[in-house]
Amino acid sequence: MQFKVVIGEQVYAIELPDDLLRDSAGFHDKLDRDMDRGWQMSREFVERPDRLQRCQIVADRLLSSLTTGNEATAMLMAGYIVLRMPGAVGVDIDAAGEMQNTELLYA
């Protein structure tokens, strides 16, 4: 599957192999455990991020992965969003630093 990432005027396509989605459950579960303790989302601390907020947090990490050229981590982050938000085909990341403005894209 191909996952679309929009950052301002830039558009990226991340190829997500089926085996990556199948084999990354342990990594994704660890992300969830980390977020279970709450997360700083821009200027606000969220004690119990909901499913959308978790995907916004992961999208912020996806942005960091893309800007540093870490393709493997970018694939894992995109895979998290795909698996946690069925039907999501991409994400429009707010590059200004407001995680809550990041939007999921659907077909």
C-alpha atoms as a PDB file:
ATOM      1  CA  MET A   1       0.000   0.000   0.000  1.00  0.00           C
ATOM      2  CA  GLN A   2       1.109   3.535  -0.646  1.00  0.00           C
ATOM      3  CA  PHE A   3       0.710   6.141   2.120  1.00  0.00           C
ATOM      4  CA  LYS A   4       0.580   9.825   1.172  1.00  0.00           C
ATOM      5  CA  VAL A   5       2.251  12.448   3.346  1.00  0.00           C
ATOM      6  CA  VAL A   6       1.589  16.128   2.685  1.00  0.00           C
ATOM      7  CA  ILE A   7       3.836  18.707   4.352  1.00  0.00           C
ATOM      8  CA  GLY A   8       3.064  22.174   3.052  1.00  0.00           C
ATOM      9  CA  GLU A   9       3.752  22.054  -0.694  1.00  0.00           C
ATOM     10  CA  GLN A  10       5.733  18.798  -0.475  1.00  0.00           C
ATOM     11  CA  VAL A  11       4.030  15.463  -1.102  1.00  0.00           C
ATOM     12  CA  TYR A  12       5.683  12.161  -0.247  1.00  0.00           C
ATOM     13  CA  ALA A  13       4.591   8.634  -1.061  1.00  0.00           C
ATOM     14  CA  ILE A  14       5.676   5.962   1.396  1.00  0.00           C
ATOM     15  CA  GLU A  15       5.407   2.383   0.225  1.00  0.00           C
ATOM     16  CA  LEU A  16       4.184   0.117   3.030  1.00  0.00           C
ATOM     17  CA  PRO A  17       4.819  -3.567   2.329  1.00  0.00           C
ATOM     18  CA  ASP A  18       2.252  -5.980   3.768  1.00  0.00           C
ATOM     19  CA  ASP A  19       4.919  -7.757   5.808  1.00  0.00           C
ATOM     20  CA  LEU A  20       5.901  -4.476   7.501  1.00  0.00           C
ATOM     21  CA  LEU A  21       2.306  -3.915   8.564  1.00  0.00           C
ATOM     22  CA  ARG A  22       2.051  -7.498   9.774  1.00  0.00           C
ATOM     23  CA  ASP A  23       5.396  -7.627  11.605  1.00  0.00           C
ATOM     24  CA  SER A  24       5.454  -4.228  13.318  1.00  0.00           C
ATOM     25  CA  ALA A  25       2.799  -4.891  15.977  1.00  0.00           C
ATOM     26  CA  GLY A  26       5.341  -4.983  18.812  1.00  0.00           C
ATOM     27  CA  PHE A  27       6.785  -1.601  17.836  1.00  0.00           C
ATOM     28  CA  HIS A  28       3.317  -0.083  17.517  1.00  0.00           C
ATOM     29  CA  ASP A  29       2.266  -1.509  20.886  1.00  0.00           C
ATOM     30  CA  LYS A  30       5.328   0.136  22.466  1.00  0.00           C
ATOM     31  CA  LEU A  31       4.293   3.470  20.942  1.00  0.00           C
ATOM     32  CA  ASP A  32       0.859   3.046  22.502  1.00  0.00           C
ATOM     33  CA  ARG A  33       2.359   2.230  25.909  1.00  0.00           C
ATOM     34  CA  ASP A  34       4.517   5.367  25.697  1.00  0.00           C
ATOM     35  CA  MET A  35       1.487   7.502  24.840  1.00  0.00           C
ATOM     36  CA  ASP A  36      -0.577   5.883  27.623  1.00  0.00           C
ATOM     37  CA  ARG A  37       1.413   8.053  30.055  1.00  0.00           C
ATOM     38  CA  GLY A  38       0.243  11.234  28.335  1.00  0.00           C
ATOM     39  CA  TRP A  39       1.949  13.381  25.721  1.00  0.00           C
ATOM     40  CA  GLN A  40       2.928  16.981  25.139  1.00  0.00           C
ATOM     41  CA  MET A  41       1.023  18.026  22.011  1.00  0.00           C
ATOM     42  CA  SER A  42       2.432  21.395  21.007  1.00  0.00           C
ATOM     43  CA  ARG A  43       1.553  23.681  23.938  1.00  0.00           C
ATOM     44  CA  GLU A  44      -0.921  21.326  25.600  1.00  0.00           C
ATOM     45  CA  PHE A  45      -0.265  18.201  27.677  1.00  0.00           C
ATOM     46  CA  VAL A  46      -2.837  15.510  26.897  1.00  0.00           C
ATOM     47  CA  GLU A  47      -3.168  12.950  29.705  1.00  0.00           C
ATOM     48  CA  ARG A  48      -5.062  10.355  27.694  1.00  0.00           C
ATOM     49  CA  PRO A  49      -4.563  10.822  23.959  1.00  0.00           C
ATOM     50  CA  ASP A  50      -7.449   9.386  21.954  1.00  0.00           C
ATOM     51  CA  ARG A  51      -6.958   7.463  18.732  1.00  0.00           C
ATOM     52  CA  LEU A  52      -6.882  10.578  16.530  1.00  0.00           C
ATOM     53  CA  GLN A  53      -4.481  12.384  18.859  1.00  0.00           C
ATOM     54  CA  ARG A  54      -2.202   9.348  18.901  1.00  0.00           C
ATOM     55  CA  CYS A  55      -2.088   9.437  15.109  1.00  0.00           C
ATOM     56  CA  GLN A  56      -1.314  13.164  15.213  1.00  0.00           C
ATOM     57  CA  ILE A  57       1.544  12.474  17.630  1.00  0.00           C
ATOM     58  CA  VAL A  58       2.857   9.710  15.383  1.00  0.00           C
ATOM     59  CA  ALA A  59       2.504  12.002  12.347  1.00  0.00           C
ATOM     60  CA  ASP A  60       4.790  14.488  14.114  1.00  0.00           C
ATOM     61  CA  ARG A  61       7.350  11.717  14.526  1.00  0.00           C
ATOM     62  CA  LEU A  62       6.793  10.817  10.876  1.00  0.00           C
ATOM     63  CA  LEU A  63       7.652  14.420   9.960  1.00  0.00           C
ATOM     64  CA  SER A  64      10.883  14.188  11.966  1.00  0.00           C
ATOM     65  CA  SER A  65      11.754  10.907  10.268  1.00  0.00           C
ATOM     66  CA  LEU A  66      11.241  12.360   6.807  1.00  0.00           C
ATOM     67  CA  THR A  67      13.251  15.509   7.522  1.00  0.00           C
ATOM     68  CA  THR A  68      16.183  13.453   8.833  1.00  0.00           C
ATOM     69  CA  GLY A  69      15.984  10.903   6.013  1.00  0.00           C
ATOM     70  CA  ASN A  70      15.131   7.994   8.320  1.00  0.00           C
ATOM     71  CA  GLU A  71      13.042   5.981   5.877  1.00  0.00           C
ATOM     72  CA  ALA A  72      12.673   2.904   8.106  1.00  0.00           C
ATOM     73  CA  THR A  73      11.170   4.893  10.974  1.00  0.00           C
ATOM     74  CA  ALA A  74       8.970   6.835   8.557  1.00  0.00           C
ATOM     75  CA  MET A  75       7.559   3.546   7.286  1.00  0.00           C
ATOM     76  CA  LEU A  76       6.869   2.334  10.837  1.00  0.00           C
ATOM     77  CA  MET A  77       5.112   5.601  11.731  1.00  0.00           C
ATOM     78  CA  ALA A  78       3.006   5.542   8.566  1.00  0.00           C
ATOM     79  CA  GLY A  79       2.169   1.904   9.287  1.00  0.00           C
ATOM     80  CA  TYR A  80       0.935   2.831  12.765  1.00  0.00           C
ATOM     81  CA  ILE A  81      -1.514   5.341  11.302  1.00  0.00           C
ATOM     82  CA  VAL A  82      -2.767   2.871   8.683  1.00  0.00           C
ATOM     83  CA  LEU A  83      -3.353   0.164  11.274  1.00  0.00           C
ATOM     84  CA  ARG A  84      -4.888   2.371  13.969  1.00  0.00           C
ATOM     85  CA  MET A  85      -7.138   4.421  11.668  1.00  0.00           C
ATOM     86  CA  PRO A  86      -8.704   2.049   9.136  1.00  0.00           C
ATOM     87  CA  GLY A  87      -9.371   3.777   5.845  1.00  0.00           C
ATOM     88  CA  ALA A  88      -6.651   6.407   6.260  1.00  0.00           C
ATOM     89  CA  VAL A  89      -4.570   6.669   3.097  1.00  0.00           C
ATOM     90  CA  GLY A  90      -2.406   9.575   4.141  1.00  0.00           C
ATOM     91  CA  VAL A  91      -1.810  12.501   6.419  1.00  0.00           C
ATOM     92  CA  ASP A  92      -1.551  16.264   5.970  1.00  0.00           C
ATOM     93  CA  ILE A  93       0.998  17.319   8.606  1.00  0.00           C
ATOM     94  CA  ASP A  94       0.948  20.841  10.011  1.00  0.00           C
ATOM     95  CA  ALA A  95       4.610  21.786   9.621  1.00  0.00           C
ATOM     96  CA  ALA A  96       4.143  24.897  11.800  1.00  0.00           C
ATOM     97  CA  GLY A  97       4.309  22.724  14.908  1.00  0.00           C
ATOM     98  CA  GLU A  98       0.644  22.479  15.856  1.00  0.00           C
ATOM     99  CA  MET A  99       0.063  18.728  16.088  1.00  0.00           C
ATOM    100  CA  GLN A 100      -3.666  19.210  16.596  1.00  0.00           C
ATOM    101  CA  ASN A 101      -3.923  20.750  13.104  1.00  0.00           C
ATOM    102  CA  THR A 102      -2.582  17.608  11.430  1.00  0.00           C
ATOM    103  CA  GLU A 103      -5.335  15.895   9.427  1.00  0.00           C
ATOM    104  CA  LEU A 104      -5.753  12.323   8.279  1.00  0.00           C
ATOM    105  CA  LEU A 105      -6.591  11.776   4.622  1.00  0.00           C
ATOM    106  CA  TYR A 106      -9.165   9.270   3.426  1.00  0.00           C
ATOM    107  CA  ALA A 107      -9.897   7.956  -0.052  1.00  0.00           C
END
